């Protein structure tokens, strides 16, 4: 048996690096180091002016993971004379909030110093916890900086939201990710400069693109690869494309099955189908499938689209959408992905009509806002002798007894007689339906034919 050498003996440089993750160590210490979000932090912007004037309002920073929300909060802290307290909503509770706000109140009364309270992932606070913050934000005891990846309109209570300005952050670009990575490689104090890293250009390109705008993912992958790469004879650690690919494993897909991405992407899929764009429909469908969305949820949305936006312009659309749902249920995933893709392409390329949707919407309106009229007697089924005596079914005309299996007859209540709900479009199969309805309408205005 060979002698086992401890991992840290092979890479003694690791012991000299701070135990904090690279992403935490490389947080900007000033706005000069801050990368991205120029619409917020560039000189002359509203938020930057407030920071420079030390007149900070309470704010909510809303953006995707790794876009710089926490970094921006710390940059604000380093540019203000306010006391800075931070909490993570995942682990903090009302007791923690009370402790901070009590100290903030004392600090304000004794020295006049304001307190900035930073709450990371504020969307994870429940209503009671958010209510606990509200009076201290309202009376100015603390200036709140909340950070969230979720839409504050849904996740932050209205009274608190009304007292905060919401500032959205954007995904970082690939060029901005490259800049952050390059800084980390060169920085010998907070970064990986002591390790003498050389990152091949194609590896850097891959890291910048596949991190998907998330600086934290890029820096974590870089750090993992750096310590997994042994130095060569001249002390250089050369990081290659295969090393970065192994560290990343697969692209970091930005998706949350219960958050904004879920609703944004299904909206994009629905609108791409409606816009008759099969390529965009396939792309958004793929984004959902590859991110792990429930395939039956996707199938349900396709079934809904078939009725709402295609309707009877192509009656086969609903058949195919339901078949896709059955196929996914029967064969499962990933084999079922092509059934969903087939349905999406069919729906995108089918003739479109929302006449069925409009017709039923009008029916709903009439049912909700008008008198519910009784069924005309001649349309009622005379199931008993008493019903027949009362006139149920009398005068009903059996359509199959007339030429063309059609006979003019009143089917709506008298108050709605002549009302039209369904008006076919000039798309697809509805052109044939429209011609048939017009022919029947003409016959309604002619003398009634006799029985066959």
Protein backbone atom coordinates (compact mmCIF):
# COMPACT_ATOMS: atom_id res chain seq x y z
CA UNK A 1 0.00 0.00 0.00
CA UNK A 2 1.39 3.41 -0.98
CA UNK A 3 1.82 6.25 1.46
CA UNK A 4 -1.21 8.59 1.47
CA UNK A 5 -0.32 12.28 1.36
CA UNK A 6 -2.86 14.75 2.82
CA UNK A 7 -4.48 16.99 0.21
CA UNK A 8 -3.34 20.18 1.94
CA UNK A 9 0.27 18.99 1.85
CA UNK A 10 0.02 18.89 -1.92
CA UNK A 11 -1.33 22.44 -2.10
CA UNK A 12 0.09 24.44 0.80
CA UNK A 13 -0.97 27.70 -0.86
CA UNK A 14 -4.57 26.94 0.07
CA UNK A 15 -3.79 27.37 3.75
CA UNK A 16 -2.83 30.98 3.20
CA UNK A 17 -6.14 31.88 1.60
CA UNK A 18 -9.03 33.22 3.71
CA UNK A 19 -11.64 30.55 4.50
CA UNK A 20 -14.34 32.87 3.14
CA UNK A 21 -15.43 31.96 -0.41
CA UNK A 22 -13.80 33.88 -3.23
CA UNK A 23 -17.13 35.53 -4.10
CA UNK A 24 -17.34 37.00 -0.59
CA UNK A 25 -13.70 38.11 -0.54
CA UNK A 26 -14.00 39.87 -3.89
CA UNK A 27 -16.99 42.00 -2.94
CA UNK A 28 -16.26 45.58 -4.02
CA UNK A 29 -15.03 47.86 -1.27
CA UNK A 30 -15.98 51.02 -3.14
CA UNK A 31 -18.07 52.07 -6.12
CA UNK A 32 -14.86 52.27 -8.15
CA UNK A 33 -14.67 48.47 -7.89
CA UNK A 34 -18.36 47.85 -8.51
CA UNK A 35 -19.07 46.10 -11.82
CA UNK A 36 -22.40 46.43 -13.63
CA UNK A 37 -25.73 48.06 -12.71
CA UNK A 38 -24.63 51.41 -14.15
CA UNK A 39 -28.29 52.46 -14.27
CA UNK A 40 -28.15 52.56 -10.45
CA UNK A 41 -24.59 53.38 -9.41
CA UNK A 42 -23.22 55.56 -12.20
CA UNK A 43 -22.48 59.14 -11.22
CA UNK A 44 -25.58 61.30 -11.48
CA UNK A 45 -28.10 58.49 -11.05
CA UNK A 46 -30.76 58.96 -8.37
CA UNK A 47 -29.59 56.16 -6.09
CA UNK A 48 -25.94 57.18 -6.37
CA UNK A 49 -26.83 60.80 -5.57
CA UNK A 50 -28.71 59.69 -2.45
CA UNK A 51 -25.73 57.61 -1.34
CA UNK A 52 -23.22 60.39 -1.94
CA UNK A 53 -25.43 62.86 -0.07
CA UNK A 54 -25.96 60.34 2.76
CA UNK A 55 -29.70 60.78 2.41
CA UNK A 56 -30.55 57.13 1.85
CA UNK A 57 -34.22 56.18 1.58
CA UNK A 58 -35.35 52.67 2.42
CA UNK A 59 -34.93 50.55 -0.70
CA UNK A 60 -35.55 47.07 -2.07
CA UNK A 61 -32.89 45.67 -4.40
CA UNK A 62 -34.58 43.20 -6.74
CA UNK A 63 -32.53 41.12 -9.13
CA UNK A 64 -31.35 37.64 -10.14
CA UNK A 65 -28.78 35.69 -8.11
CA UNK A 66 -25.21 36.91 -8.42
CA UNK A 67 -26.14 40.29 -9.89
CA UNK A 68 -24.60 42.29 -7.04
CA UNK A 69 -27.41 42.99 -4.55
CA UNK A 70 -25.35 42.16 -1.46
CA UNK A 71 -22.27 43.80 -2.95
CA UNK A 72 -24.23 46.97 -3.58
CA UNK A 73 -25.49 46.96 0.01
CA UNK A 74 -21.93 46.68 1.33
CA UNK A 75 -20.75 49.37 -1.08
CA UNK A 76 -23.44 51.65 0.32
CA UNK A 77 -22.26 50.79 3.84
CA UNK A 78 -18.68 51.76 3.00
CA UNK A 79 -19.82 55.12 1.61
CA UNK A 80 -21.98 56.25 4.49
CA UNK A 81 -21.44 57.27 8.11
CA UNK A 82 -24.47 55.25 9.18
CA UNK A 83 -24.11 52.18 11.35
CA UNK A 84 -24.56 49.05 9.25
CA UNK A 85 -26.37 45.95 10.52
CA UNK A 86 -27.17 42.93 8.39
CA UNK A 87 -29.47 39.94 8.71
CA UNK A 88 -30.23 36.94 6.54
CA UNK A 89 -33.95 36.26 6.43
CA UNK A 90 -33.30 32.52 6.17
CA UNK A 91 -32.06 32.34 9.77
CA UNK A 92 -33.17 35.58 11.46
CA UNK A 93 -36.38 36.05 13.40
CA UNK A 94 -38.41 38.73 15.12
CA UNK A 95 -36.12 38.59 18.18
CA UNK A 96 -33.13 39.51 16.00
CA UNK A 97 -35.06 42.40 14.49
CA UNK A 98 -36.04 43.69 17.93
CA UNK A 99 -32.44 43.54 19.12
CA UNK A 100 -31.19 45.56 16.14
CA UNK A 101 -34.00 48.11 16.23
CA UNK A 102 -33.57 48.63 19.99
CA UNK A 103 -29.88 49.36 19.51
CA UNK A 104 -30.68 51.55 16.50
CA UNK A 105 -33.16 53.60 18.55
CA UNK A 106 -30.59 54.09 21.33
CA UNK A 107 -27.88 54.99 18.84
CA UNK A 108 -30.11 57.56 17.17
CA UNK A 109 -31.11 59.22 20.44
CA UNK A 110 -27.60 59.27 21.95
CA UNK A 111 -25.39 60.16 18.99
CA UNK A 112 -27.79 60.95 16.18
CA UNK A 113 -26.26 58.19 14.06
CA UNK A 114 -28.69 56.42 11.76
CA UNK A 115 -28.67 52.67 11.20
CA UNK A 116 -28.86 50.93 7.85
CA UNK A 117 -30.51 47.52 8.24
CA UNK A 118 -29.66 45.16 5.39
CA UNK A 119 -31.93 42.10 5.11
CA UNK A 120 -30.80 39.56 2.56
CA UNK A 121 -33.53 37.43 0.95
CA UNK A 122 -36.23 39.57 2.52
CA UNK A 123 -38.88 37.64 0.60
CA UNK A 124 -38.32 34.77 3.04
CA UNK A 125 -39.67 36.85 5.93
CA UNK A 126 -43.31 36.07 6.66
CA UNK A 127 -45.98 38.75 7.14
CA UNK A 128 -45.48 38.95 10.92
CA UNK A 129 -41.74 39.43 10.52
CA UNK A 130 -42.22 42.12 7.89
CA UNK A 131 -44.83 43.81 10.10
CA UNK A 132 -42.23 43.94 12.86
CA UNK A 133 -39.91 46.05 10.68
CA UNK A 134 -42.59 48.45 9.49
CA UNK A 135 -42.84 50.93 12.42
CA UNK A 136 -39.06 51.37 12.58
CA UNK A 137 -38.84 52.07 8.85
CA UNK A 138 -41.77 54.45 9.11
CA UNK A 139 -40.35 56.51 11.99
CA UNK A 140 -36.82 56.53 10.58
CA UNK A 141 -35.16 54.44 13.29
CA UNK A 142 -33.60 52.32 10.54
CA UNK A 143 -33.05 52.71 6.83
CA UNK A 144 -34.00 49.40 5.27
CA UNK A 145 -32.09 47.82 2.40
CA UNK A 146 -33.82 44.61 1.40
CA UNK A 147 -32.44 42.21 -1.20
CA UNK A 148 -34.63 39.74 -3.05
CA UNK A 149 -34.65 37.54 -6.12
CA UNK A 150 -38.47 37.49 -6.10
CA UNK A 151 -40.89 40.11 -7.33
CA UNK A 152 -41.42 42.44 -4.34
CA UNK A 153 -44.98 43.11 -5.51
CA UNK A 154 -45.82 39.55 -4.49
CA UNK A 155 -43.37 38.89 -1.66
CA UNK A 156 -43.20 42.15 0.33
CA UNK A 157 -46.27 43.37 2.23
CA UNK A 158 -47.92 46.45 0.75
CA UNK A 159 -47.39 48.80 3.76
CA UNK A 160 -43.65 48.06 3.78
CA UNK A 161 -43.37 48.20 0.01
CA UNK A 162 -45.06 51.62 -0.08
CA UNK A 163 -42.32 52.99 2.19
CA UNK A 164 -39.47 51.69 0.02
CA UNK A 165 -38.13 52.48 -3.42
CA UNK A 166 -37.66 49.37 -5.56
CA UNK A 167 -34.51 49.26 -7.66
CA UNK A 168 -34.23 46.37 -10.15
CA UNK A 169 -30.81 44.88 -10.94
CA UNK A 170 -29.99 43.24 -14.26
CA UNK A 171 -28.11 40.08 -15.09
CA UNK A 172 -24.42 40.77 -15.53
CA UNK A 173 -23.16 40.56 -19.09
CA UNK A 174 -20.49 38.08 -20.17
CA UNK A 175 -18.03 40.97 -20.49
CA UNK A 176 -18.72 42.06 -16.91
CA UNK A 177 -18.25 38.49 -15.67
CA UNK A 178 -14.90 38.36 -17.50
CA UNK A 179 -13.79 41.55 -15.76
CA UNK A 180 -14.73 40.20 -12.32
CA UNK A 181 -12.92 36.91 -12.98
CA UNK A 182 -9.80 38.64 -14.27
CA UNK A 183 -9.68 40.85 -11.17
CA UNK A 184 -9.95 37.81 -8.92
CA UNK A 185 -7.06 36.12 -10.73
CA UNK A 186 -4.78 39.16 -10.37
CA UNK A 187 -5.72 40.24 -6.82
CA UNK A 188 -3.06 38.81 -4.47
CA UNK A 189 -4.68 40.15 -1.30
CA UNK A 190 -8.34 39.12 -1.61
CA UNK A 191 -8.26 36.99 -4.73
CA UNK A 192 -6.15 34.19 -6.15
CA UNK A 193 -3.12 36.19 -7.22
CA UNK A 194 -0.74 34.21 -4.99
CA UNK A 195 -1.60 31.01 -6.84
CA UNK A 196 -0.09 32.29 -10.12
CA UNK A 197 -3.10 31.32 -12.23
CA UNK A 198 -3.21 31.33 -16.00
CA UNK A 199 -6.70 30.98 -17.43
CA UNK A 200 -6.78 30.00 -21.10
CA UNK A 201 -8.83 32.35 -23.25
CA UNK A 202 -11.35 29.73 -24.34
CA UNK A 203 -11.74 28.66 -20.71
CA UNK A 204 -12.43 32.28 -19.68
CA UNK A 205 -14.96 32.66 -22.49
CA UNK A 206 -16.72 29.47 -21.44
CA UNK A 207 -16.79 30.53 -17.79
CA UNK A 208 -18.18 33.97 -18.65
CA UNK A 209 -20.96 32.58 -20.84
CA UNK A 210 -21.95 29.50 -18.87
CA UNK A 211 -22.18 31.27 -15.51
CA UNK A 212 -25.29 32.90 -17.03
CA UNK A 213 -24.75 36.37 -15.60
CA UNK A 214 -24.15 35.09 -12.05
CA UNK A 215 -20.81 36.36 -10.70
CA UNK A 216 -21.01 34.05 -7.68
CA UNK A 217 -21.18 30.96 -9.88
CA UNK A 218 -18.25 32.18 -11.96
CA UNK A 219 -16.04 32.90 -8.94
CA UNK A 220 -16.96 29.66 -7.16
CA UNK A 221 -16.12 27.63 -10.28
CA UNK A 222 -12.85 29.52 -10.68
CA UNK A 223 -11.84 28.91 -7.07
CA UNK A 224 -12.69 25.22 -7.24
CA UNK A 225 -10.69 24.78 -10.44
CA UNK A 226 -7.73 26.77 -9.10
CA UNK A 227 -7.26 24.55 -6.05
CA UNK A 228 -7.86 21.39 -8.09
CA UNK A 229 -5.13 22.34 -10.57
CA UNK A 230 -1.58 21.43 -9.52
CA UNK A 231 1.22 23.87 -10.36
CA UNK A 232 3.67 22.90 -13.10
CA UNK A 233 7.46 23.04 -12.84
CA UNK A 234 7.58 26.85 -12.99
CA UNK A 235 4.88 27.26 -10.32
CA UNK A 236 2.11 28.27 -12.73
CA UNK A 237 -1.36 26.80 -12.51
CA UNK A 238 -2.74 26.60 -16.03
CA UNK A 239 -6.53 26.31 -16.10
CA UNK A 240 -7.84 24.77 -19.30
CA UNK A 241 -11.28 24.58 -20.88
CA UNK A 242 -11.86 20.94 -19.79
CA UNK A 243 -11.13 21.94 -16.16
CA UNK A 244 -13.69 24.75 -16.26
CA UNK A 245 -16.23 22.49 -17.96
CA UNK A 246 -15.80 19.91 -15.22
CA UNK A 247 -16.20 22.53 -12.49
CA UNK A 248 -19.37 23.95 -14.03
CA UNK A 249 -20.81 20.57 -15.07
CA UNK A 250 -23.67 22.24 -16.92
CA UNK A 251 -24.96 25.72 -17.59
CA UNK A 252 -26.44 27.50 -14.59
CA UNK A 253 -30.05 27.85 -15.71
CA UNK A 254 -31.83 30.80 -14.16
CA UNK A 255 -35.19 29.36 -13.19
CA UNK A 256 -37.42 29.05 -10.16
CA UNK A 257 -40.49 26.88 -10.44
CA UNK A 258 -42.42 29.08 -8.04
CA UNK A 259 -40.91 32.47 -8.82
CA UNK A 260 -40.74 35.13 -11.50
CA UNK A 261 -38.85 33.00 -14.00
CA UNK A 262 -41.62 30.41 -13.93
CA UNK A 263 -44.26 33.00 -14.84
CA UNK A 264 -42.06 35.03 -17.19
CA UNK A 265 -41.03 32.04 -19.30
CA UNK A 266 -44.49 30.47 -19.52
CA UNK A 267 -45.72 33.90 -20.61
CA UNK A 268 -42.99 34.03 -23.26
CA UNK A 269 -43.96 30.53 -24.46
CA UNK A 270 -47.66 31.43 -24.66
CA UNK A 271 -46.98 34.67 -26.55
CA UNK A 272 -44.56 32.94 -28.94
CA UNK A 273 -47.22 30.34 -29.75
CA UNK A 274 -49.79 33.10 -30.27
CA UNK A 275 -47.31 34.95 -32.48
CA UNK A 276 -46.93 31.85 -34.71
CA UNK A 277 -43.18 31.63 -33.99
CA UNK A 278 -42.26 27.93 -33.68
CA UNK A 279 -38.56 28.65 -33.10
CA UNK A 280 -39.18 30.93 -30.12
CA UNK A 281 -41.82 28.52 -28.82
CA UNK A 282 -39.32 25.64 -28.90
CA UNK A 283 -36.68 27.76 -27.17
CA UNK A 284 -38.91 28.80 -24.26
CA UNK A 285 -40.31 25.29 -24.01
CA UNK A 286 -36.75 23.97 -23.80
CA UNK A 287 -35.83 26.49 -21.13
CA UNK A 288 -38.65 25.18 -18.96
CA UNK A 289 -38.03 21.49 -19.60
CA UNK A 290 -34.25 21.66 -19.11
CA UNK A 291 -34.69 23.65 -15.90
CA UNK A 292 -36.79 20.87 -14.40
CA UNK A 293 -40.28 22.33 -14.74
CA UNK A 294 -43.11 19.86 -14.20
CA UNK A 295 -43.83 18.59 -17.75
CA UNK A 296 -47.51 18.10 -16.94
CA UNK A 297 -47.76 21.77 -16.02
CA UNK A 298 -46.38 22.61 -19.48
CA UNK A 299 -48.83 20.18 -21.06
CA UNK A 300 -51.75 21.82 -19.23
CA UNK A 301 -50.69 25.21 -20.56
CA UNK A 302 -50.53 23.84 -24.12
CA UNK A 303 -54.03 22.38 -23.75
CA UNK A 304 -55.29 25.75 -22.55
CA UNK A 305 -53.62 27.51 -25.47
CA UNK A 306 -55.20 25.08 -27.95
CA UNK A 307 -58.65 26.14 -26.76
CA UNK A 308 -57.96 29.81 -26.10
CA UNK A 309 -55.87 30.88 -29.09
CA UNK A 310 -56.51 28.26 -31.78
CA UNK A 311 -59.99 27.09 -30.90
CA UNK A 312 -62.06 25.70 -33.75
CA UNK A 313 -59.87 27.36 -36.37
CA UNK A 314 -58.09 24.00 -36.11
CA UNK A 315 -60.03 21.47 -34.00
CA UNK A 316 -57.07 19.07 -34.17
CA UNK A 317 -54.99 21.44 -32.03
CA UNK A 318 -56.77 20.42 -28.84
CA UNK A 319 -56.58 16.75 -29.83
CA UNK A 320 -52.82 16.98 -30.32
CA UNK A 321 -52.28 18.97 -27.09
CA UNK A 322 -54.19 16.38 -25.06
CA UNK A 323 -52.26 13.62 -26.85
CA UNK A 324 -49.02 15.29 -25.78
CA UNK A 325 -50.23 15.35 -22.17
CA UNK A 326 -51.09 11.65 -22.39
CA UNK A 327 -47.72 10.85 -23.97
CA UNK A 328 -45.81 12.64 -21.20
CA UNK A 329 -47.91 10.86 -18.58
CA UNK A 330 -47.36 7.49 -20.30
CA UNK A 331 -43.64 7.55 -21.20
CA UNK A 332 -42.38 10.12 -18.70
CA UNK A 333 -39.31 12.31 -19.13
CA UNK A 334 -36.98 12.86 -20.86
CA UNK A 335 -38.67 10.81 -23.61
CA UNK A 336 -41.81 12.92 -23.37
CA UNK A 337 -40.00 16.13 -24.28
CA UNK A 338 -40.48 15.53 -28.01
CA UNK A 339 -44.23 15.06 -27.56
CA UNK A 340 -44.36 18.50 -25.93
CA UNK A 341 -42.14 19.91 -28.67
CA UNK A 342 -44.40 18.44 -31.37
CA UNK A 343 -47.47 19.98 -29.75
CA UNK A 344 -45.73 23.35 -29.41
CA UNK A 345 -44.71 23.43 -33.08
CA UNK A 346 -48.21 22.37 -34.18
CA UNK A 347 -49.86 25.05 -32.06
CA UNK A 348 -47.43 27.73 -33.22
CA UNK A 349 -48.07 26.94 -36.87
CA UNK A 350 -51.85 26.40 -36.58
CA UNK A 351 -54.33 29.10 -37.70
CA UNK A 352 -55.22 31.31 -34.75
CA UNK A 353 -58.64 32.34 -33.48
CA UNK A 354 -59.80 33.57 -30.09
CA UNK A 355 -63.47 33.64 -31.09
CA UNK A 356 -64.23 30.72 -28.79
CA UNK A 357 -62.49 32.50 -25.88
CA UNK A 358 -64.38 35.72 -26.57
CA UNK A 359 -67.70 33.87 -26.89
CA UNK A 360 -67.35 32.10 -23.56
CA UNK A 361 -66.13 35.28 -21.84
CA UNK A 362 -69.31 37.03 -22.98
CA UNK A 363 -71.39 34.11 -21.71
CA UNK A 364 -69.70 34.45 -18.32
CA UNK A 365 -70.47 38.15 -18.26
CA UNK A 366 -74.15 37.61 -19.08
CA UNK A 367 -74.51 34.86 -16.49
CA UNK A 368 -72.86 37.00 -13.81
CA UNK A 369 -74.64 40.28 -14.53
CA UNK A 370 -78.08 39.46 -15.92
CA UNK A 371 -81.17 37.59 -14.82
CA UNK A 372 -80.83 33.81 -15.14
CA UNK A 373 -83.78 33.19 -17.44
CA UNK A 374 -85.78 29.95 -17.21
CA UNK A 375 -85.42 27.30 -19.91
CA UNK A 376 -88.20 27.65 -22.54
CA UNK A 377 -90.89 25.00 -22.05
CA UNK A 378 -90.42 23.39 -25.46
CA UNK A 379 -86.73 22.69 -24.63
CA UNK A 380 -87.52 20.98 -21.35
CA UNK A 381 -87.65 17.20 -21.13
CA UNK A 382 -91.16 15.91 -20.25
CA UNK A 383 -89.95 13.14 -17.95
CA UNK A 384 -93.25 12.71 -16.08
CA UNK A 385 -96.99 12.98 -16.94
CA UNK A 386 -97.24 16.10 -14.77
CA UNK A 387 -94.46 17.73 -16.76
CA UNK A 388 -96.26 16.94 -20.02
CA UNK A 389 -99.46 18.48 -18.60
CA UNK A 390 -97.48 21.60 -17.78
CA UNK A 391 -96.37 21.89 -21.39
CA UNK A 392 -92.84 20.56 -21.13
CA UNK A 393 -91.56 19.61 -24.58
CA UNK A 394 -94.64 20.85 -26.45
CA UNK A 395 -93.78 22.39 -29.82
CA UNK A 396 -90.23 21.10 -29.88
CA UNK A 397 -88.96 20.52 -33.43
CA UNK A 398 -86.70 17.48 -33.88
CA UNK A 399 -84.01 18.70 -36.28
CA UNK A 400 -83.45 15.29 -37.89
CA UNK A 401 -87.02 15.32 -39.19
CA UNK A 402 -86.28 18.32 -41.43
CA UNK A 403 -84.26 18.76 -44.65
CA UNK A 404 -80.57 19.17 -43.99
CA UNK A 405 -81.18 18.18 -40.36
CA UNK A 406 -81.90 21.80 -39.55
CA UNK A 407 -85.02 23.71 -38.58
CA UNK A 408 -85.33 27.28 -37.28
CA UNK A 409 -86.19 27.21 -33.61
CA UNK A 410 -85.69 29.40 -30.52
CA UNK A 411 -83.12 27.91 -28.17
CA UNK A 412 -82.16 30.91 -26.03
CA UNK A 413 -84.47 32.42 -23.42
CA UNK A 414 -86.75 35.10 -24.86
CA UNK A 415 -84.77 37.88 -23.13
CA UNK A 416 -81.64 36.79 -25.02
CA UNK A 417 -83.28 35.88 -28.31
CA UNK A 418 -81.04 36.96 -31.20
CA UNK A 419 -77.95 37.23 -29.01
CA UNK A 420 -74.75 36.06 -30.72
CA UNK A 421 -71.84 34.82 -28.65
CA UNK A 422 -69.80 32.81 -31.11
CA UNK A 423 -68.64 34.76 -34.16
CA UNK A 424 -66.19 32.67 -36.21
CA UNK A 425 -63.06 34.23 -37.57
CA UNK A 426 -61.81 33.98 -41.14
CA UNK A 427 -59.05 31.54 -40.11
CA UNK A 428 -58.74 27.84 -40.85
CA UNK A 429 -61.70 25.59 -40.27
CA UNK A 430 -63.76 28.52 -38.99
CA UNK A 431 -64.28 29.68 -42.57
CA UNK A 432 -66.33 26.50 -43.16
CA UNK A 433 -68.20 27.04 -39.89
CA UNK A 434 -68.93 30.64 -40.86
CA UNK A 435 -70.38 29.55 -44.22
CA UNK A 436 -72.57 26.96 -42.51
CA UNK A 437 -73.87 29.45 -39.94
CA UNK A 438 -74.68 31.97 -42.67
CA UNK A 439 -76.61 29.33 -44.61
CA UNK A 440 -78.63 28.42 -41.51
CA UNK A 441 -79.24 32.11 -40.83
CA UNK A 442 -80.67 32.50 -44.34
CA UNK A 443 -82.99 29.55 -43.78
CA UNK A 444 -84.22 31.08 -40.51
CA UNK A 445 -85.56 34.00 -42.52
CA UNK A 446 -87.35 31.77 -45.03
CA UNK A 447 -90.73 30.00 -44.66
CA UNK A 448 -90.40 26.94 -42.46
CA UNK A 449 -90.11 23.72 -44.52
CA UNK A 450 -92.28 20.73 -43.85
CA UNK A 451 -91.11 17.40 -42.48
CA UNK A 452 -89.08 15.02 -44.61
